[in-house]
Amino acid sequence: MWIGNKIFKFWSMSDYIIYDIKMDIEQKLDFDGKVEDGKPVWDYPNHYLGKAIGAKGDQLKLFRNRRGQVNESVPTWVLRNDNGIALIRIHNLERYSVYDMPVDENSENPNDVKSYPYAYVIIDYRDRDCKMAIEKTSNWNSRTETICNCFFDYFRDCLDLLNIGINVTSIKKKIIPTKFDEFIDQRIIDHNDVIESFTIKFPTAEEQVAPQSDEPELTEQLDFQRRFVKCFGGVSSEVVTKMGENANTENLKKLAYVVSKSDDKDFDLLVKFQKYGTYSCKEGVVAKYPMNDIVVSNYKDFEKPEANIPEHDMVSWLDSTYKNIIDLEENNGCQIHKKPKR
């Protein structure tokens, strides 16, 4: 936007999901001389992970798995890779747009130019505990898992890593555990939130032992629901209960406690808050953090930010995000206020 003789940019915010990159190391003879002096693989696997990403301008050979089809190549460019932080752009071939562009001013037959939307990926390999931040965007149908799978396949099969004994075993979404009863109080008391409803997901398998509670009425109710669905030949059920202004949160906490003690992943309790959204008592909150787009712009263009703060600087944003995750884990996630995304 022009104001007077100056240009002003309006920056937006994007959410990023944090992933942990796990590696196993095995001793191998370095026949190809890939291991650098002073950088033994056992102590510096992160260094070689960074080398496998390549330099600015490189195109990574990533592929997208298709059921029953040949894997599809995914255009991926390294925008920057130095000092332990790589910024990568990954395009989605599914959601392209076509524009008519004239060959020249006198041409009557325009060329079709395709535009592929993209997401940003940040790989932080500054230390042994490598992490990845993936932009959650509609350009990829908000499915960061799809992007994660592309990178995992690349690193897992990368010969430059395998030949020196580095095995990338997993890239998993960072989940922050919470105490559900404390979380309910924190939402209602500290954030003035309201419980709109709760849904109990109940499997009815023959071998399942009915959940038990110190409250006879609660145990009886859960057992009744199981038997009710079973008599119709059902496999599972979901019961939704609407809540009013005088919701009995203490009973809800007791129900959450019973559900959380069950090893059956299909037995779950989902509580819908007015402001927060839906939250499962058996899962932690996905580590999702907003980033101002100026952070990516500054890092991509090698521009010095106006201030070394998370709102402007990539290193500061990453360090601040990790510190926040550690603080939340140490406090059982009781201060989490972001809506969980799945």
Protein backbone atom coordinates (compact mmCIF):
# COMPACT_ATOMS: atom_id res chain seq x y z
CA MET A 1 0.00 0.00 0.00
CA TRP A 2 1.29 3.45 -0.98
CA ILE A 3 1.02 6.30 1.54
CA GLY A 4 2.75 9.42 0.33
CA ASN A 5 6.04 8.19 -1.09
CA LYS A 6 6.33 5.13 1.17
CA ILE A 7 5.15 1.55 0.82
CA PHE A 8 3.48 -0.10 3.79
CA LYS A 9 2.87 -3.84 3.98
CA PHE A 10 0.08 -5.47 5.94
CA TRP A 11 1.30 -8.69 7.51
CA SER A 12 -0.94 -11.58 8.46
CA MET A 13 -0.50 -14.47 10.88
CA SER A 14 -0.15 -18.16 10.07
CA ASP A 15 -0.35 -21.12 12.42
CA TYR A 16 2.50 -23.62 12.58
CA ILE A 17 2.37 -27.15 14.00
CA ILE A 18 5.52 -28.34 15.79
CA TYR A 19 6.92 -31.81 15.03
CA ASP A 20 9.75 -33.77 16.69
CA ILE A 21 12.31 -35.49 14.45
CA LYS A 22 13.73 -38.69 15.96
CA MET A 23 16.93 -40.40 14.78
CA ASP A 24 18.76 -43.61 15.64
CA ILE A 25 22.52 -43.81 15.13
CA GLU A 26 24.53 -46.93 14.29
CA GLN A 27 28.28 -47.24 13.87
CA LYS A 28 29.30 -47.58 10.22
CA LEU A 29 32.57 -47.37 8.35
CA ASP A 30 32.82 -44.16 6.34
CA PHE A 31 33.92 -45.57 2.99
CA ASP A 32 32.91 -42.44 1.05
CA GLY A 33 34.56 -39.91 3.36
CA LYS A 34 31.29 -38.16 4.16
CA VAL A 35 32.01 -37.68 7.85
CA GLU A 36 33.75 -34.38 8.59
CA ASP A 37 36.69 -33.99 10.94
CA GLY A 38 35.48 -32.84 14.34
CA LYS A 39 31.88 -33.80 13.51
CA PRO A 40 31.44 -37.45 14.52
CA VAL A 41 28.06 -38.85 13.48
CA TRP A 42 27.19 -40.01 16.99
CA ASP A 43 27.56 -36.51 18.43
CA TYR A 44 26.35 -34.45 15.46
CA PRO A 45 23.57 -36.30 13.59
CA ASN A 46 21.71 -32.98 13.35
CA HIS A 47 24.60 -31.51 11.33
CA TYR A 48 24.27 -34.21 8.67
CA LEU A 49 20.48 -33.90 8.64
CA GLY A 50 20.99 -30.26 7.71
CA LYS A 51 23.41 -31.20 4.94
CA ALA A 52 20.82 -33.59 3.50
CA ILE A 53 18.47 -30.62 3.04
CA GLY A 54 20.87 -28.86 0.70
CA ALA A 55 21.59 -25.21 0.02
CA LYS A 56 19.49 -22.24 -1.05
CA GLY A 57 17.90 -22.89 -4.44
CA ASP A 58 18.06 -26.68 -4.20
CA GLN A 59 14.95 -28.71 -5.02
CA LEU A 60 14.36 -31.63 -2.71
CA LYS A 61 13.13 -34.85 -4.30
CA LEU A 62 9.94 -35.28 -2.31
CA PHE A 63 7.06 -37.54 -3.29
CA ARG A 64 3.46 -37.84 -2.23
CA ASN A 65 2.02 -41.31 -1.69
CA ARG A 66 -1.06 -42.19 -3.74
CA ARG A 67 -3.07 -45.33 -3.13
CA GLY A 68 -2.93 -47.56 -6.16
CA GLN A 69 -1.01 -44.94 -8.12
CA VAL A 70 2.57 -44.01 -8.86
CA ASN A 71 3.95 -41.63 -6.24
CA GLU A 72 3.59 -38.01 -7.27
CA SER A 73 6.57 -35.68 -7.25
CA VAL A 74 6.07 -32.65 -5.01
CA PRO A 75 7.85 -29.38 -6.00
CA THR A 76 9.95 -28.26 -3.04
CA TRP A 77 12.48 -25.43 -2.89
CA VAL A 78 15.04 -24.59 -0.23
CA LEU A 79 14.72 -20.87 0.39
CA ARG A 80 17.45 -20.68 3.01
CA ASN A 81 19.58 -23.12 4.97
CA ASP A 82 22.26 -21.89 7.33
CA ASN A 83 23.16 -21.74 11.01
CA GLY A 84 21.01 -24.78 11.76
CA ILE A 85 17.69 -23.49 10.40
CA ALA A 86 16.24 -24.36 6.98
CA LEU A 87 13.26 -22.64 5.37
CA ILE A 88 11.55 -24.67 2.65
CA ARG A 89 8.56 -24.03 0.38
CA ILE A 90 6.45 -27.03 -0.61
CA HIS A 91 3.83 -26.75 -3.37
CA ASN A 92 0.54 -28.61 -3.66
CA LEU A 93 -0.09 -29.81 -7.22
CA GLU A 94 -3.72 -30.62 -6.41
CA ARG A 95 -4.93 -27.08 -5.90
CA TYR A 96 -3.42 -25.17 -8.78
CA SER A 97 -5.01 -22.21 -10.56
CA VAL A 98 -4.74 -21.46 -14.28
CA TYR A 99 -4.21 -17.93 -15.59
CA ASP A 100 -4.40 -16.73 -19.19
CA MET A 101 -1.25 -14.76 -19.95
CA PRO A 102 -0.67 -13.22 -23.39
CA VAL A 103 2.51 -14.19 -25.21
CA ASP A 104 2.97 -10.56 -26.21
CA GLU A 105 0.85 -7.45 -26.67
CA ASN A 106 -0.26 -8.45 -30.18
CA SER A 107 -0.96 -12.11 -29.44
CA GLU A 108 -4.54 -13.38 -29.62
CA ASN A 109 -3.68 -16.82 -28.16
CA PRO A 110 -2.76 -16.52 -24.49
CA ASN A 111 -0.65 -19.07 -22.67
CA ASP A 112 -2.09 -20.99 -19.75
CA VAL A 113 0.08 -20.37 -16.70
CA LYS A 114 -0.44 -22.61 -13.67
CA SER A 115 0.00 -21.30 -10.15
CA TYR A 116 0.58 -23.83 -7.38
CA PRO A 117 -0.20 -22.80 -3.80
CA TYR A 118 2.33 -23.69 -1.13
CA ALA A 119 3.14 -24.00 2.54
CA TYR A 120 6.30 -23.10 4.43
CA VAL A 121 8.29 -25.66 6.39
CA ILE A 122 10.97 -24.76 8.93
CA ILE A 123 13.48 -27.41 9.99
CA ASP A 124 15.48 -26.55 13.09
CA TYR A 125 18.58 -28.75 13.41
CA ARG A 126 20.64 -26.49 15.66
CA ASP A 127 21.06 -29.27 18.20
CA ARG A 128 20.53 -33.02 18.43
CA ASP A 129 16.81 -32.61 19.22
CA CYS A 130 15.71 -31.61 15.73
CA LYS A 131 12.28 -30.12 15.17
CA MET A 132 10.06 -29.14 12.29
CA ALA A 133 7.41 -26.41 12.09
CA ILE A 134 4.84 -26.87 9.31
CA GLU A 135 2.47 -24.12 8.22
CA LYS A 136 -1.18 -25.07 8.64
CA THR A 137 -2.80 -23.61 5.54
CA SER A 138 -5.80 -24.20 3.30
CA ASN A 139 -3.30 -24.47 0.44
CA TRP A 140 -2.72 -27.99 1.76
CA ASN A 141 -6.25 -28.49 3.08
CA SER A 142 -4.86 -27.68 6.54
CA ARG A 143 -3.31 -31.17 6.62
CA THR A 144 0.20 -30.78 7.95
CA GLU A 145 0.39 -34.58 8.26
CA THR A 146 0.55 -34.91 4.48
CA ILE A 147 3.53 -32.58 4.32
CA CYS A 148 5.15 -34.33 7.27
CA ASN A 149 4.86 -37.71 5.52
CA CYS A 150 6.62 -36.33 2.43
CA PHE A 151 9.59 -35.18 4.48
CA PHE A 152 9.71 -38.33 6.59
CA ASP A 153 9.90 -40.52 3.48
CA TYR A 154 12.68 -38.30 2.13
CA PHE A 155 14.84 -38.42 5.25
CA ARG A 156 14.13 -42.09 5.95
CA ASP A 157 15.33 -43.13 2.47
CA CYS A 158 18.14 -40.57 2.14
CA LEU A 159 21.31 -42.50 1.26
CA ASP A 160 23.55 -39.65 2.42
CA LEU A 161 22.19 -40.28 5.93
CA LEU A 162 21.84 -44.05 5.80
CA ASN A 163 25.39 -44.59 4.51
CA ILE A 164 26.87 -42.91 7.57
CA GLY A 165 24.54 -44.66 10.03
CA ILE A 166 21.77 -42.09 10.56
CA ASN A 167 18.24 -43.52 10.54
CA VAL A 168 15.35 -41.06 10.78
CA THR A 169 12.83 -43.22 12.64
CA SER A 170 9.90 -40.84 13.03
CA ILE A 171 8.60 -37.30 12.62
CA LYS A 172 5.73 -36.90 15.06
CA LYS A 173 3.44 -34.06 15.99
CA LYS A 174 4.29 -32.53 19.35
CA ILE A 175 1.52 -33.18 21.86
CA ILE A 176 1.37 -31.35 25.19
CA PRO A 177 -0.30 -33.42 27.94
CA THR A 178 -2.87 -31.78 30.21
CA LYS A 179 -4.74 -32.53 33.42
CA PHE A 180 -8.34 -32.51 32.31
CA ASP A 181 -9.95 -31.50 35.61
CA GLU A 182 -7.58 -28.55 35.99
CA PHE A 183 -8.13 -27.65 32.38
CA ILE A 184 -11.91 -27.41 32.88
CA ASP A 185 -11.49 -25.08 35.87
CA GLN A 186 -8.92 -23.00 34.04
CA ARG A 187 -11.22 -22.50 31.05
CA ILE A 188 -14.27 -21.62 33.14
CA ILE A 189 -12.66 -19.54 35.89
CA ASP A 190 -9.69 -17.87 34.21
CA HIS A 191 -11.11 -17.51 30.71
CA ASN A 192 -14.80 -17.13 31.51
CA ASP A 193 -15.59 -19.95 29.09
CA VAL A 194 -18.78 -22.04 29.02
CA ILE A 195 -19.29 -25.75 28.41
CA GLU A 196 -21.88 -26.13 25.65
CA SER A 197 -22.01 -29.92 25.44
CA PHE A 198 -20.06 -33.11 25.92
CA THR A 199 -19.91 -36.26 23.82
CA ILE A 200 -19.01 -39.68 25.13
CA LYS A 201 -17.70 -42.16 22.59
CA PHE A 202 -18.45 -45.66 23.73
CA PRO A 203 -17.19 -48.90 22.10
CA THR A 204 -19.29 -52.00 22.73
CA ALA A 205 -16.88 -54.85 22.02
CA GLU A 206 -17.70 -58.16 23.74
CA GLU A 207 -14.34 -58.42 25.46
CA GLN A 208 -14.45 -54.89 26.87
CA VAL A 209 -14.79 -54.59 30.63
CA ALA A 210 -17.34 -51.99 31.62
CA PRO A 211 -15.60 -48.95 33.14
CA GLN A 212 -15.91 -48.61 36.89
CA SER A 213 -16.31 -45.56 39.06
CA ASP A 214 -16.55 -44.80 42.78
CA GLU A 215 -19.92 -43.27 41.92
CA PRO A 216 -22.52 -46.10 41.58
CA GLU A 217 -24.84 -43.96 39.45
CA LEU A 218 -22.06 -43.16 36.98
CA THR A 219 -20.99 -46.80 36.71
CA GLU A 220 -24.58 -47.88 36.17
CA GLN A 221 -25.13 -45.24 33.48
CA LEU A 222 -22.01 -46.22 31.54
CA ASP A 223 -22.86 -49.90 31.73
CA PHE A 224 -26.42 -49.19 30.60
CA GLN A 225 -25.21 -47.31 27.52
CA ARG A 226 -22.91 -50.18 26.58
CA ARG A 227 -25.68 -52.77 26.93
CA PHE A 228 -28.19 -50.54 25.10
CA VAL A 229 -26.05 -50.30 21.96
CA LYS A 230 -25.09 -53.97 22.16
CA CYS A 231 -28.73 -55.11 22.08
CA PHE A 232 -29.10 -53.48 18.63
CA GLY A 233 -25.93 -55.13 17.31
CA GLY A 234 -24.02 -51.85 17.34
CA VAL A 235 -20.25 -51.60 17.33
CA SER A 236 -19.95 -48.22 19.02
CA SER A 237 -21.98 -45.18 19.96
CA GLU A 238 -21.70 -41.46 20.54
CA VAL A 239 -23.98 -39.78 23.03
CA VAL A 240 -24.17 -35.98 22.97
CA THR A 241 -25.39 -34.11 26.04
CA LYS A 242 -26.26 -30.43 25.83
CA MET A 243 -25.24 -28.38 28.85
CA GLY A 244 -26.99 -25.40 30.43
CA GLU A 245 -25.73 -22.51 32.51
CA ASN A 246 -25.65 -24.61 35.68
CA ALA A 247 -23.55 -27.46 34.30
CA ASN A 248 -22.32 -29.95 36.89
CA THR A 249 -18.62 -29.80 36.17
CA GLU A 250 -17.72 -31.99 39.15
CA ASN A 251 -19.60 -34.94 37.70
CA LEU A 252 -18.01 -34.22 34.34
CA LYS A 253 -14.57 -34.39 35.96
CA LYS A 254 -15.44 -37.76 37.49
CA LEU A 255 -16.54 -39.04 34.09
CA ALA A 256 -13.34 -37.73 32.53
CA TYR A 257 -11.29 -39.54 35.18
CA VAL A 258 -12.97 -42.87 34.41
CA VAL A 259 -12.50 -42.42 30.65
CA SER A 260 -8.86 -41.38 30.97
CA LYS A 261 -8.05 -44.58 32.90
CA SER A 262 -9.33 -46.79 30.09
CA ASP A 263 -6.76 -48.27 27.70
CA ASP A 264 -9.34 -48.45 24.92
CA LYS A 265 -8.54 -45.63 22.50
CA ASP A 266 -12.13 -45.62 21.20
CA PHE A 267 -13.55 -44.86 24.65
CA ASP A 268 -13.33 -41.09 24.89
CA LEU A 269 -14.94 -37.95 26.25
CA LEU A 270 -15.12 -34.79 24.14
CA VAL A 271 -16.06 -31.52 25.82
CA LYS A 272 -17.13 -28.58 23.68
CA PHE A 273 -16.37 -25.13 25.10
CA GLN A 274 -18.03 -22.01 23.73
CA LYS A 275 -14.75 -20.15 23.14
CA TYR A 276 -12.14 -22.88 23.10
CA GLY A 277 -13.80 -25.46 20.90
CA THR A 278 -13.76 -29.24 21.34
CA TYR A 279 -11.21 -30.96 23.53
CA SER A 280 -10.63 -34.66 24.26
CA CYS A 281 -9.85 -35.74 27.80
CA LYS A 282 -7.58 -38.55 26.49
CA GLU A 283 -5.37 -36.43 24.30
CA GLY A 284 -3.05 -33.58 24.88
CA VAL A 285 -3.15 -30.34 22.95
CA VAL A 286 -1.33 -30.13 19.64
CA ALA A 287 1.59 -27.70 19.81
CA LYS A 288 0.27 -25.02 17.45
CA TYR A 289 1.73 -21.53 17.45
CA PRO A 290 1.02 -18.43 15.33
CA MET A 291 3.80 -16.73 13.41
CA ASN A 292 3.70 -13.29 11.86
CA ASP A 293 4.43 -13.61 8.13
CA ILE A 294 7.11 -10.95 8.46
CA VAL A 295 9.24 -13.55 10.30
CA VAL A 296 9.35 -15.75 7.20
CA SER A 297 9.83 -12.76 4.93
CA ASN A 298 12.78 -11.46 6.93
CA TYR A 299 14.44 -14.86 7.10
CA LYS A 300 13.81 -15.72 3.45
CA ASP A 301 15.16 -12.42 2.18
CA PHE A 302 18.13 -12.34 4.62
CA GLU A 303 16.79 -9.07 6.01
CA LYS A 304 17.79 -7.98 9.49
CA PRO A 305 14.61 -7.70 11.60
CA GLU A 306 13.75 -4.46 13.33
CA ALA A 307 14.01 -6.24 16.68
CA ASN A 308 15.14 -9.66 17.88
CA ILE A 309 11.67 -10.61 19.09
CA PRO A 310 9.39 -13.54 18.11
CA GLU A 311 7.19 -11.16 16.09
CA HIS A 312 10.07 -10.29 13.75
CA ASP A 313 12.91 -12.81 14.03
CA MET A 314 12.96 -16.53 13.14
CA VAL A 315 15.47 -17.59 15.80
CA SER A 316 13.57 -15.69 18.49
CA TRP A 317 10.27 -17.22 17.38
CA LEU A 318 11.65 -20.76 17.51
CA ASP A 319 13.32 -20.28 20.90
CA SER A 320 10.22 -18.64 22.35
CA THR A 321 8.00 -21.44 21.05
CA TYR A 322 10.16 -24.20 22.54
CA LYS A 323 10.35 -22.40 25.88
CA ASN A 324 6.58 -22.09 25.92
CA ILE A 325 6.18 -25.82 25.22
CA ILE A 326 8.59 -26.72 28.05
CA ASP A 327 6.77 -24.40 30.46
CA LEU A 328 3.42 -25.94 29.54
CA GLU A 329 4.73 -29.47 29.96
CA GLU A 330 6.14 -28.64 33.39
CA ASN A 331 2.78 -27.17 34.41
CA ASN A 332 0.77 -30.06 32.93
CA GLY A 333 -0.53 -27.78 30.21
CA CYS A 334 -2.82 -25.90 32.60
CA GLN A 335 -2.04 -22.55 30.96
CA ILE A 336 -2.88 -23.70 27.40
CA HIS A 337 -5.38 -21.39 25.74
CA LYS A 338 -5.11 -22.30 22.07
CA LYS A 339 -7.82 -24.34 20.41
CA PRO A 340 -6.54 -27.85 19.58
CA LYS A 341 -6.54 -28.67 15.87
CA ARG A 342 -6.66 -32.22 14.50
